[in-house]
Structures are given as C-alpha cells and as structure tokens.
C-alpha cells in the first residue's frame, strides 16, 4: 500500500530530527520538534524558519556555556546583580556598581578590591561580579584564600604546582575571597606574587578583604615582597569600601532581606 503524504511527512520530520541530533544541534532539534508539534511550519517563511532555528541553537549553546563556566568557577554561593541590596546603608553606590555589569573591567584586566567589616557582603558582591562575568562568557575561578594557599602547597609537594598556577593565570577573572585573614608564610607570599605578576595588566582579579589596604604590608610580612605585590594591585584597582551593620545579622532579623 502506498505511503500517505502525512506518513511521508512524519518520516521526513523524524529523519530531520535524527540528523539534528547526530550533528549535536540540540537547540535546533528541540525547537524544530516543538514547531512541528504546535504549529504548521508553512506559517513561517523560509527565512523566518531558519532564523527561528538558528536563534534556538544560539540560545541553547549560550546557556550550556554559562552552565559550564559557572560549574568551573566553583562559587561558594549563588549571587547575582539582581539580588544585591543597595538600601542597607552600606556605602554601596548603586550606579557605580551596576556599571560594572558590562564587565569592561574584565577585558581591561582591572583589579577590584572589595573591603569592609565581617558580614558586610563582600563575598556576595565578589561572586555576583564573577557570575556576571560567566553570563558574558568569561572564564572565572573562585578561591577562598584560606584554602587556596594550602592547596598550592600541596600541589607543589606533589608536582602539580606549575599546572595549577598556569590554570589560575589563564582564567579571565580570578576571585580571591577573604584575603588577609591569615598571615602569609614565605611559600604563600611567593605564590601570591607569582599569581599577581602573571595577571598584572592582563587579566581581572577581584579581592575581598576585611583588612584595610594600609595593613596589607603586615599581613604579607616580607616588606620587599609586600611592596612588589601591593604595587601591582593597589594603584590601578577599583575600590568598593563597604560599611554598616552585618548583612548576616540583618538577614537573620529580617528573613526577606536580600544579601
């Protein structure tokens, strides 16, 4: 018995879907399947159909890329620009901070220093900036300094130090959270200098800290290394100085408040 026109169309659609899947065009595949199930493709011109499928594939790839970047970044917490609280009396200028959302500071290789007391939301802002960088396609890495320097020591002992340092150097955005909570020993000072030297004027770095910049020499320890490190960070850095009450305390007292 001859195959009906509807049957031939169904087979053609299935063949097309299988080819899209084989080509790993998952966005196009899903969009084409939905289109065939919900409307007649004849309602679109050829140009409109192609544009519709290409847009679907583009959006799908961008979403998957962002997901990969976020996973690689290894953020400690979810943080986005839309969740930032500008009304907590914390000396956070809304217009200045929102201007950072275009991530021009990433392409310029700028350093951002976020300072303030415990619970002021420094880590949250640093991760919100990092998340925005991921959204715009920039490779990002997050490290708590209390864990980074022991990690580098372990890598040095097992022979993986050059690879780890190279990985840090290549990332577009490096977040060093809670800098200065622990004094640095000689090995950590040298590692920090190497990291900063590799990134100086080449890649963006975000540093969050409770320690005023004027006290960094004491934390770093060695005057010569401290001078070399600070000279590559401080003069060209964008500064965000937070004040006010602990955001953790505010959030605990008012559970609906944003970080």
C-alpha atoms as a PDB file:
ATOM      1  CA  UNK A   1       0.000   0.000   0.000  1.00  0.00           C
ATOM      2  CA  UNK A   2       1.460   3.421  -0.931  1.00  0.00           C
ATOM      3  CA  UNK A   3       2.594   5.558   1.956  1.00  0.00           C
ATOM      4  CA  UNK A   4       0.286   8.509   2.614  1.00  0.00           C
ATOM      5  CA  UNK A   5       1.505  12.106   2.358  1.00  0.00           C
ATOM      6  CA  UNK A   6       1.066  12.523   6.115  1.00  0.00           C
ATOM      7  CA  UNK A   7       3.096   9.374   6.721  1.00  0.00           C
ATOM      8  CA  UNK A   8       5.891  10.563   4.431  1.00  0.00           C
ATOM      9  CA  UNK A   9       5.912  13.944   6.213  1.00  0.00           C
ATOM     10  CA  UNK A  10       6.178  12.216   9.572  1.00  0.00           C
ATOM     11  CA  UNK A  11       9.112  10.126   8.392  1.00  0.00           C
ATOM     12  CA  UNK A  12      10.825  13.209   6.949  1.00  0.00           C
ATOM     13  CA  UNK A  13      10.376  15.062  10.224  1.00  0.00           C
ATOM     14  CA  UNK A  14      11.801  12.152  12.208  1.00  0.00           C
ATOM     15  CA  UNK A  15      14.737  11.862   9.820  1.00  0.00           C
ATOM     16  CA  UNK A  16      15.440  15.571  10.197  1.00  0.00           C
ATOM     17  CA  UNK A  17      15.293  15.323  13.988  1.00  0.00           C
ATOM     18  CA  UNK A  18      17.709  12.388  13.960  1.00  0.00           C
ATOM     19  CA  UNK A  19      20.131  14.313  11.743  1.00  0.00           C
ATOM     20  CA  UNK A  20      19.981  17.358  14.016  1.00  0.00           C
ATOM     21  CA  UNK A  21      20.653  15.100  16.985  1.00  0.00           C
ATOM     22  CA  UNK A  22      23.542  13.427  15.162  1.00  0.00           C
ATOM     23  CA  UNK A  23      25.021  16.835  14.422  1.00  0.00           C
ATOM     24  CA  UNK A  24      24.624  17.764  18.109  1.00  0.00           C
ATOM     25  CA  UNK A  25      22.348  20.670  17.247  1.00  0.00           C
ATOM     26  CA  UNK A  26      20.202  20.087  20.311  1.00  0.00           C
ATOM     27  CA  UNK A  27      18.734  23.596  20.357  1.00  0.00           C
ATOM     28  CA  UNK A  28      17.588  23.286  16.770  1.00  0.00           C
ATOM     29  CA  UNK A  29      16.298  19.787  17.421  1.00  0.00           C
ATOM     30  CA  UNK A  30      14.109  20.836  20.340  1.00  0.00           C
ATOM     31  CA  UNK A  31      12.866  23.932  18.554  1.00  0.00           C
ATOM     32  CA  UNK A  32      12.027  22.027  15.354  1.00  0.00           C
ATOM     33  CA  UNK A  33      10.250  19.298  17.323  1.00  0.00           C
ATOM     34  CA  UNK A  34       8.182  21.868  19.219  1.00  0.00           C
ATOM     35  CA  UNK A  35       7.421  23.711  15.991  1.00  0.00           C
ATOM     36  CA  UNK A  36       6.153  20.588  14.304  1.00  0.00           C
ATOM     37  CA  UNK A  37       4.030  19.668  17.313  1.00  0.00           C
ATOM     38  CA  UNK A  38       2.434  23.036  17.951  1.00  0.00           C
ATOM     39  CA  UNK A  39       2.128  24.839  14.618  1.00  0.00           C
ATOM     40  CA  UNK A  40       2.426  24.418  10.875  1.00  0.00           C
ATOM     41  CA  UNK A  41       5.904  25.304   9.636  1.00  0.00           C
ATOM     42  CA  UNK A  42       4.220  26.563   6.486  1.00  0.00           C
ATOM     43  CA  UNK A  43       3.141  29.581   8.535  1.00  0.00           C
ATOM     44  CA  UNK A  44       6.773  30.710   8.514  1.00  0.00           C
ATOM     45  CA  UNK A  45       8.727  31.851   5.502  1.00  0.00           C
ATOM     46  CA  UNK A  46      11.990  30.040   4.789  1.00  0.00           C
ATOM     47  CA  UNK A  47      13.951  32.988   6.209  1.00  0.00           C
ATOM     48  CA  UNK A  48      11.812  33.058   9.352  1.00  0.00           C
ATOM     49  CA  UNK A  49      12.183  29.309   9.869  1.00  0.00           C
ATOM     50  CA  UNK A  50      15.969  29.431   9.524  1.00  0.00           C
ATOM     51  CA  UNK A  51      16.187  32.433  11.845  1.00  0.00           C
ATOM     52  CA  UNK A  52      13.960  30.693  14.392  1.00  0.00           C
ATOM     53  CA  UNK A  53      16.098  27.544  14.422  1.00  0.00           C
ATOM     54  CA  UNK A  54      19.404  29.419  14.474  1.00  0.00           C
ATOM     55  CA  UNK A  55      18.242  31.574  17.393  1.00  0.00           C
ATOM     56  CA  UNK A  56      17.191  28.453  19.289  1.00  0.00           C
ATOM     57  CA  UNK A  57      20.587  26.821  18.736  1.00  0.00           C
ATOM     58  CA  UNK A  58      22.428  30.006  19.715  1.00  0.00           C
ATOM     59  CA  UNK A  59      20.435  30.360  22.944  1.00  0.00           C
ATOM     60  CA  UNK A  60      20.967  26.696  23.788  1.00  0.00           C
ATOM     61  CA  UNK A  61      24.737  26.904  23.307  1.00  0.00           C
ATOM     62  CA  UNK A  62      24.995  30.105  25.322  1.00  0.00           C
ATOM     63  CA  UNK A  63      23.043  28.525  28.172  1.00  0.00           C
ATOM     64  CA  UNK A  64      25.226  25.415  28.158  1.00  0.00           C
ATOM     65  CA  UNK A  65      28.383  27.535  28.035  1.00  0.00           C
ATOM     66  CA  UNK A  66      27.225  29.597  31.003  1.00  0.00           C
ATOM     67  CA  UNK A  67      26.421  26.422  32.927  1.00  0.00           C
ATOM     68  CA  UNK A  68      29.934  25.076  32.253  1.00  0.00           C
ATOM     69  CA  UNK A  69      31.569  28.351  33.275  1.00  0.00           C
ATOM     70  CA  UNK A  70      29.556  28.523  36.494  1.00  0.00           C
ATOM     71  CA  UNK A  71      30.486  24.950  37.369  1.00  0.00           C
ATOM     72  CA  UNK A  72      34.175  25.571  36.682  1.00  0.00           C
ATOM     73  CA  UNK A  73      34.136  28.785  38.717  1.00  0.00           C
ATOM     74  CA  UNK A  74      33.101  26.788  41.813  1.00  0.00           C
ATOM     75  CA  UNK A  75      31.356  29.668  43.538  1.00  0.00           C
ATOM     76  CA  UNK A  76      30.593  29.171  47.209  1.00  0.00           C
ATOM     77  CA  UNK A  77      27.102  30.677  46.926  1.00  0.00           C
ATOM     78  CA  UNK A  78      24.573  31.803  44.336  1.00  0.00           C
ATOM     79  CA  UNK A  79      24.862  35.549  43.801  1.00  0.00           C
ATOM     80  CA  UNK A  80      23.600  37.791  41.014  1.00  0.00           C
ATOM     81  CA  UNK A  81      23.297  41.508  40.365  1.00  0.00           C
ATOM     82  CA  UNK A  82      19.512  41.342  40.747  1.00  0.00           C
ATOM     83  CA  UNK A  83      19.919  40.128  44.336  1.00  0.00           C
ATOM     84  CA  UNK A  84      22.244  42.889  45.524  1.00  0.00           C
ATOM     85  CA  UNK A  85      20.777  45.103  48.256  1.00  0.00           C
ATOM     86  CA  UNK A  86      21.580  48.774  47.733  1.00  0.00           C
ATOM     87  CA  UNK A  87      19.360  50.087  50.509  1.00  0.00           C
ATOM     88  CA  UNK A  88      21.105  48.828  53.624  1.00  0.00           C
ATOM     89  CA  UNK A  89      23.231  51.856  54.498  1.00  0.00           C
ATOM     90  CA  UNK A  90      26.383  50.060  53.446  1.00  0.00           C
ATOM     91  CA  UNK A  91      28.007  52.804  51.299  1.00  0.00           C
ATOM     92  CA  UNK A  92      27.416  50.801  48.123  1.00  0.00           C
ATOM     93  CA  UNK A  93      26.792  53.177  45.229  1.00  0.00           C
ATOM     94  CA  UNK A  94      24.131  51.586  43.035  1.00  0.00           C
ATOM     95  CA  UNK A  95      25.044  53.386  39.817  1.00  0.00           C
ATOM     96  CA  UNK A  96      28.756  52.678  40.174  1.00  0.00           C
ATOM     97  CA  UNK A  97      28.209  49.019  40.958  1.00  0.00           C
ATOM     98  CA  UNK A  98      25.693  48.457  38.164  1.00  0.00           C
ATOM     99  CA  UNK A  99      28.130  49.984  35.678  1.00  0.00           C
ATOM    100  CA  UNK A 100      30.387  47.029  36.422  1.00  0.00           C
ATOM    101  CA  UNK A 101      27.761  44.697  34.930  1.00  0.00           C
ATOM    102  CA  UNK A 102      29.100  45.293  31.406  1.00  0.00           C
ATOM    103  CA  UNK A 103      32.349  43.575  32.531  1.00  0.00           C
ATOM    104  CA  UNK A 104      34.531  46.094  30.713  1.00  0.00           C
ATOM    105  CA  UNK A 105      36.829  45.726  33.734  1.00  0.00           C
ATOM    106  CA  UNK A 106      37.406  42.126  32.643  1.00  0.00           C
ATOM    107  CA  UNK A 107      38.594  42.986  29.151  1.00  0.00           C
ATOM    108  CA  UNK A 108      40.789  45.750  30.600  1.00  0.00           C
ATOM    109  CA  UNK A 109      42.373  43.399  33.125  1.00  0.00           C
ATOM    110  CA  UNK A 110      41.408  45.566  36.109  1.00  0.00           C
ATOM    111  CA  UNK A 111      41.566  44.638  39.773  1.00  0.00           C
ATOM    112  CA  UNK A 112      38.589  45.212  42.081  1.00  0.00           C
ATOM    113  CA  UNK A 113      39.146  45.418  45.840  1.00  0.00           C
ATOM    114  CA  UNK A 114      36.045  44.935  47.990  1.00  0.00           C
ATOM    115  CA  UNK A 115      36.717  45.774  51.626  1.00  0.00           C
ATOM    116  CA  UNK A 116      34.583  46.051  54.725  1.00  0.00           C
ATOM    117  CA  UNK A 117      33.784  44.531  58.108  1.00  0.00           C
ATOM    118  CA  UNK A 118      32.659  40.983  58.795  1.00  0.00           C
ATOM    119  CA  UNK A 119      29.278  40.187  57.275  1.00  0.00           C
ATOM    120  CA  UNK A 120      29.172  43.307  55.092  1.00  0.00           C
ATOM    121  CA  UNK A 121      28.518  41.244  51.964  1.00  0.00           C
ATOM    122  CA  UNK A 122      31.972  41.361  50.396  1.00  0.00           C
ATOM    123  CA  UNK A 123      31.948  37.737  49.272  1.00  0.00           C
ATOM    124  CA  UNK A 124      28.443  38.084  47.871  1.00  0.00           C
ATOM    125  CA  UNK A 125      29.403  41.100  45.745  1.00  0.00           C
ATOM    126  CA  UNK A 126      32.578  39.376  44.536  1.00  0.00           C
ATOM    127  CA  UNK A 127      30.600  36.317  43.465  1.00  0.00           C
ATOM    128  CA  UNK A 128      27.886  38.457  41.860  1.00  0.00           C
ATOM    129  CA  UNK A 129      30.596  40.075  39.736  1.00  0.00           C
ATOM    130  CA  UNK A 130      32.022  36.651  38.927  1.00  0.00           C
ATOM    131  CA  UNK A 131      28.600  35.303  37.987  1.00  0.00           C
ATOM    132  CA  UNK A 132      28.023  38.250  35.672  1.00  0.00           C
ATOM    133  CA  UNK A 133      31.382  37.559  34.048  1.00  0.00           C
ATOM    134  CA  UNK A 134      30.262  33.955  33.442  1.00  0.00           C
ATOM    135  CA  UNK A 135      26.999  35.188  31.916  1.00  0.00           C
ATOM    136  CA  UNK A 136      29.064  37.227  29.445  1.00  0.00           C
ATOM    137  CA  UNK A 137      31.308  34.284  28.569  1.00  0.00           C
ATOM    138  CA  UNK A 138      34.401  34.964  30.693  1.00  0.00           C
ATOM    139  CA  UNK A 139      36.219  32.088  32.387  1.00  0.00           C
ATOM    140  CA  UNK A 140      36.171  32.621  36.137  1.00  0.00           C
ATOM    141  CA  UNK A 141      37.699  30.926  39.188  1.00  0.00           C
ATOM    142  CA  UNK A 142      36.705  31.457  42.812  1.00  0.00           C
ATOM    143  CA  UNK A 143      39.064  30.695  45.702  1.00  0.00           C
ATOM    144  CA  UNK A 144      38.870  31.323  49.405  1.00  0.00           C
ATOM    145  CA  UNK A 145      42.395  32.372  50.347  1.00  0.00           C
ATOM    146  CA  UNK A 146      42.292  30.211  53.453  1.00  0.00           C
ATOM    147  CA  UNK A 147      42.042  27.192  51.154  1.00  0.00           C
ATOM    148  CA  UNK A 148      43.983  28.425  48.112  1.00  0.00           C
ATOM    149  CA  UNK A 149      47.428  28.697  49.681  1.00  0.00           C
ATOM    150  CA  UNK A 150      47.284  25.280  51.396  1.00  0.00           C
ATOM    151  CA  UNK A 151      46.131  23.886  48.040  1.00  0.00           C
ATOM    152  CA  UNK A 152      49.118  25.434  46.285  1.00  0.00           C
ATOM    153  CA  UNK A 153      51.456  23.998  48.921  1.00  0.00           C
ATOM    154  CA  UNK A 154      50.011  20.546  48.366  1.00  0.00           C
ATOM    155  CA  UNK A 155      50.304  20.931  44.591  1.00  0.00           C
ATOM    156  CA  UNK A 156      53.932  21.999  44.972  1.00  0.00           C
ATOM    157  CA  UNK A 157      54.688  18.898  47.051  1.00  0.00           C
ATOM    158  CA  UNK A 158      53.056  16.517  44.580  1.00  0.00           C
ATOM    159  CA  UNK A 159      54.423  18.194  41.454  1.00  0.00           C
ATOM    160  CA  UNK A 160      51.179  19.757  40.248  1.00  0.00           C
ATOM    161  CA  UNK A 161      52.046  23.347  41.136  1.00  0.00           C
ATOM    162  CA  UNK A 162      53.000  24.608  37.635  1.00  0.00           C
ATOM    163  CA  UNK A 163      49.766  23.286  36.159  1.00  0.00           C
ATOM    164  CA  UNK A 164      47.644  24.868  38.911  1.00  0.00           C
ATOM    165  CA  UNK A 165      49.405  28.223  38.609  1.00  0.00           C
ATOM    166  CA  UNK A 166      49.004  28.101  34.832  1.00  0.00           C
ATOM    167  CA  UNK A 167      45.274  27.402  35.246  1.00  0.00           C
ATOM    168  CA  UNK A 168      44.917  30.420  37.525  1.00  0.00           C
ATOM    169  CA  UNK A 169      46.926  32.620  35.157  1.00  0.00           C
ATOM    170  CA  UNK A 170      44.759  31.707  32.154  1.00  0.00           C
ATOM    171  CA  UNK A 171      41.399  32.460  33.724  1.00  0.00           C
ATOM    172  CA  UNK A 172      39.842  35.787  32.748  1.00  0.00           C
ATOM    173  CA  UNK A 173      38.513  36.531  36.255  1.00  0.00           C
ATOM    174  CA  UNK A 174      40.119  35.361  39.491  1.00  0.00           C
ATOM    175  CA  UNK A 175      38.303  35.879  42.802  1.00  0.00           C
ATOM    176  CA  UNK A 176      40.458  35.842  45.948  1.00  0.00           C
ATOM    177  CA  UNK A 177      37.978  35.804  48.818  1.00  0.00           C
ATOM    178  CA  UNK A 178      38.763  36.562  52.473  1.00  0.00           C
ATOM    179  CA  UNK A 179      42.264  37.814  51.705  1.00  0.00           C
ATOM    180  CA  UNK A 180      44.351  38.583  54.771  1.00  0.00           C
ATOM    181  CA  UNK A 181      42.514  36.605  57.434  1.00  0.00           C
ATOM    182  CA  UNK A 182      45.666  34.558  57.911  1.00  0.00           C
ATOM    183  CA  UNK A 183      49.228  35.844  57.756  1.00  0.00           C
ATOM    184  CA  UNK A 184      51.223  34.513  54.805  1.00  0.00           C
ATOM    185  CA  UNK A 185      54.332  32.403  55.194  1.00  0.00           C
ATOM    186  CA  UNK A 186      57.240  32.611  52.767  1.00  0.00           C
ATOM    187  CA  UNK A 187      55.890  29.983  50.386  1.00  0.00           C
ATOM    188  CA  UNK A 188      52.439  31.597  50.261  1.00  0.00           C
ATOM    189  CA  UNK A 189      53.941  35.058  49.714  1.00  0.00           C
ATOM    190  CA  UNK A 190      55.893  33.800  46.724  1.00  0.00           C
ATOM    191  CA  UNK A 191      52.808  32.073  45.319  1.00  0.00           C
ATOM    192  CA  UNK A 192      50.760  35.261  45.713  1.00  0.00           C
ATOM    193  CA  UNK A 193      53.434  37.318  43.970  1.00  0.00           C
ATOM    194  CA  UNK A 194      53.542  34.824  41.103  1.00  0.00           C
ATOM    195  CA  UNK A 195      49.757  34.910  40.724  1.00  0.00           C
ATOM    196  CA  UNK A 196      49.597  38.698  40.762  1.00  0.00           C
ATOM    197  CA  UNK A 197      52.590  39.070  38.443  1.00  0.00           C
ATOM    198  CA  UNK A 198      51.067  36.661  35.910  1.00  0.00           C
ATOM    199  CA  UNK A 199      47.795  38.623  35.896  1.00  0.00           C
ATOM    200  CA  UNK A 200      49.102  42.175  36.123  1.00  0.00           C
ATOM    201  CA  UNK A 201      47.516  44.279  33.336  1.00  0.00           C
ATOM    202  CA  UNK A 202      46.481  41.045  31.579  1.00  0.00           C
ATOM    203  CA  UNK A 203      43.528  39.586  33.472  1.00  0.00           C
ATOM    204  CA  UNK A 204      40.968  40.737  36.022  1.00  0.00           C
ATOM    205  CA  UNK A 205      41.224  39.953  39.729  1.00  0.00           C
ATOM    206  CA  UNK A 206      38.658  40.513  42.487  1.00  0.00           C
ATOM    207  CA  UNK A 207      39.925  40.645  46.066  1.00  0.00           C
ATOM    208  CA  UNK A 208      37.570  40.694  49.043  1.00  0.00           C
ATOM    209  CA  UNK A 209      39.049  41.511  52.425  1.00  0.00           C
ATOM    210  CA  UNK A 210      38.327  42.666  55.949  1.00  0.00           C
ATOM    211  CA  UNK A 211      41.824  44.090  56.183  1.00  0.00           C
ATOM    212  CA  UNK A 212      42.354  47.755  55.172  1.00  0.00           C
ATOM    213  CA  UNK A 213      44.842  48.100  52.355  1.00  0.00           C
ATOM    214  CA  UNK A 214      47.081  50.083  54.696  1.00  0.00           C
ATOM    215  CA  UNK A 215      47.507  46.906  56.788  1.00  0.00           C
ATOM    216  CA  UNK A 216      48.382  44.591  53.892  1.00  0.00           C
ATOM    217  CA  UNK A 217      52.113  45.001  54.466  1.00  0.00           C
ATOM    218  CA  UNK A 218      51.694  43.477  57.935  1.00  0.00           C
ATOM    219  CA  UNK A 219      49.670  40.540  56.575  1.00  0.00           C
ATOM    220  CA  UNK A 220      52.056  39.795  53.722  1.00  0.00           C
ATOM    221  CA  UNK A 221      55.008  40.041  56.064  1.00  0.00           C
ATOM    222  CA  UNK A 222      58.110  40.473  53.943  1.00  0.00           C
ATOM    223  CA  UNK A 223      58.488  44.219  53.136  1.00  0.00           C
ATOM    224  CA  UNK A 224      60.117  43.660  49.762  1.00  0.00           C
ATOM    225  CA  UNK A 225      57.531  41.145  48.561  1.00  0.00           C
ATOM    226  CA  UNK A 226      54.713  43.174  50.082  1.00  0.00           C
ATOM    227  CA  UNK A 227      55.855  46.237  48.153  1.00  0.00           C
ATOM    228  CA  UNK A 228      56.050  44.256  44.900  1.00  0.00           C
ATOM    229  CA  UNK A 229      52.601  42.696  45.419  1.00  0.00           C
ATOM    230  CA  UNK A 230      50.811  45.869  46.520  1.00  0.00           C
ATOM    231  CA  UNK A 231      52.412  47.918  43.748  1.00  0.00           C
ATOM    232  CA  UNK A 232      50.798  45.596  41.196  1.00  0.00           C
ATOM    233  CA  UNK A 233      47.379  45.623  42.877  1.00  0.00           C
ATOM    234  CA  UNK A 234      46.538  48.837  44.661  1.00  0.00           C
ATOM    235  CA  UNK A 235      47.337  51.815  42.379  1.00  0.00           C
ATOM    236  CA  UNK A 236      45.121  50.738  39.464  1.00  0.00           C
ATOM    237  CA  UNK A 237      42.412  48.970  41.470  1.00  0.00           C
ATOM    238  CA  UNK A 238      38.725  49.841  41.517  1.00  0.00           C
ATOM    239  CA  UNK A 239      37.721  50.163  45.183  1.00  0.00           C
ATOM    240  CA  UNK A 240      34.437  49.238  46.860  1.00  0.00           C
ATOM    241  CA  UNK A 241      34.511  50.078  50.570  1.00  0.00           C
ATOM    242  CA  UNK A 242      31.514  48.709  52.446  1.00  0.00           C
ATOM    243  CA  UNK A 243      30.317  49.970  55.817  1.00  0.00           C
ATOM    244  CA  UNK A 244      27.349  49.406  58.084  1.00  0.00           C
ATOM    245  CA  UNK A 245      25.919  46.510  60.039  1.00  0.00           C
ATOM    246  CA  UNK A 246      26.482  42.860  59.242  1.00  0.00           C
ATOM    247  CA  UNK A 247      24.247  41.729  56.387  1.00  0.00           C
ATOM    248  CA  UNK A 248      24.086  38.313  58.018  1.00  0.00           C
ATOM    249  CA  UNK A 249      22.606  39.884  61.150  1.00  0.00           C
ATOM    250  CA  UNK A 250      20.147  41.895  59.068  1.00  0.00           C
ATOM    251  CA  UNK A 251      19.131  38.824  57.108  1.00  0.00           C
ATOM    252  CA  UNK A 252      18.626  36.879  60.324  1.00  0.00           C
ATOM    253  CA  UNK A 253      16.486  39.648  61.822  1.00  0.00           C
ATOM    254  CA  UNK A 254      14.578  40.224  58.563  1.00  0.00           C
ATOM    255  CA  UNK A 255      14.495  36.937  56.592  1.00  0.00           C
ATOM    256  CA  UNK A 256      13.078  38.579  53.450  1.00  0.00           C
ATOM    257  CA  UNK A 257      16.087  40.881  53.071  1.00  0.00           C
ATOM    258  CA  UNK A 258      18.454  40.168  50.193  1.00  0.00           C
ATOM    259  CA  UNK A 259      22.214  39.641  50.783  1.00  0.00           C
END
